[in-house]
Amino acid sequence: MKNNVLDCKKSTEYTILLLVGKQDQERKYYDEYDKIKKQKMIQEI
């Protein structure tokens, strides 16, 4: 029984880490997207 609780805790922490990592990747993607958008706007002016 004790083992299961530990496994549960580990997998939750792992899931949280995955989610945080995903958010970081998305943030980087959006940052790059913003840069490209701004560059295009500057080029159009």
Protein backbone atom coordinates (compact mmCIF):
# COMPACT_ATOMS: atom_id res chain seq x y z
CA MET A 1 0.00 0.00 0.00
CA LYS A 2 2.78 2.41 0.93
CA ASN A 3 4.45 1.77 -2.40
CA ASN A 4 1.39 2.82 -4.36
CA VAL A 5 1.20 6.16 -2.57
CA LEU A 6 4.83 6.85 -3.41
CA ASP A 7 4.27 5.91 -7.05
CA CYS A 8 1.24 8.18 -7.16
CA LYS A 9 3.21 11.08 -5.74
CA LYS A 10 6.03 10.52 -8.20
CA SER A 11 3.73 10.39 -11.20
CA THR A 12 1.92 13.56 -10.11
CA GLU A 13 5.21 15.41 -9.76
CA TYR A 14 6.27 14.04 -13.13
CA THR A 15 3.01 15.21 -14.71
CA ILE A 16 3.44 18.67 -13.21
CA LEU A 17 6.99 18.81 -14.55
CA LEU A 18 5.74 17.80 -17.98
CA LEU A 19 3.02 20.44 -17.91
CA VAL A 20 5.45 23.14 -16.81
CA GLY A 21 7.87 22.08 -19.53
CA LYS A 22 5.08 22.23 -22.09
CA GLN A 23 4.14 25.74 -21.01
CA ASP A 24 7.77 26.82 -21.31
CA GLN A 25 7.97 25.45 -24.84
CA GLU A 26 4.74 27.19 -25.80
CA ARG A 27 5.97 30.45 -24.29
CA LYS A 28 9.18 30.22 -26.33
CA TYR A 29 7.13 29.48 -29.43
CA TYR A 30 4.90 32.49 -28.84
CA ASP A 31 7.92 34.70 -28.14
CA GLU A 32 9.45 33.68 -31.47
CA TYR A 33 6.09 34.22 -33.18
CA ASP A 34 5.85 37.71 -31.66
CA LYS A 35 9.36 38.59 -32.84
CA ILE A 36 8.56 37.47 -36.39
CA LYS A 37 5.28 39.38 -36.35
CA LYS A 38 7.01 42.57 -35.17
CA GLN A 39 9.73 42.19 -37.80
CA LYS A 40 7.11 41.79 -40.53
CA MET A 41 5.26 44.88 -39.28
CA ILE A 42 8.49 46.89 -39.30
CA GLN A 43 9.27 45.70 -42.84
CA GLU A 44 5.81 46.77 -44.03
CA ILE A 45 6.19 50.33 -42.70
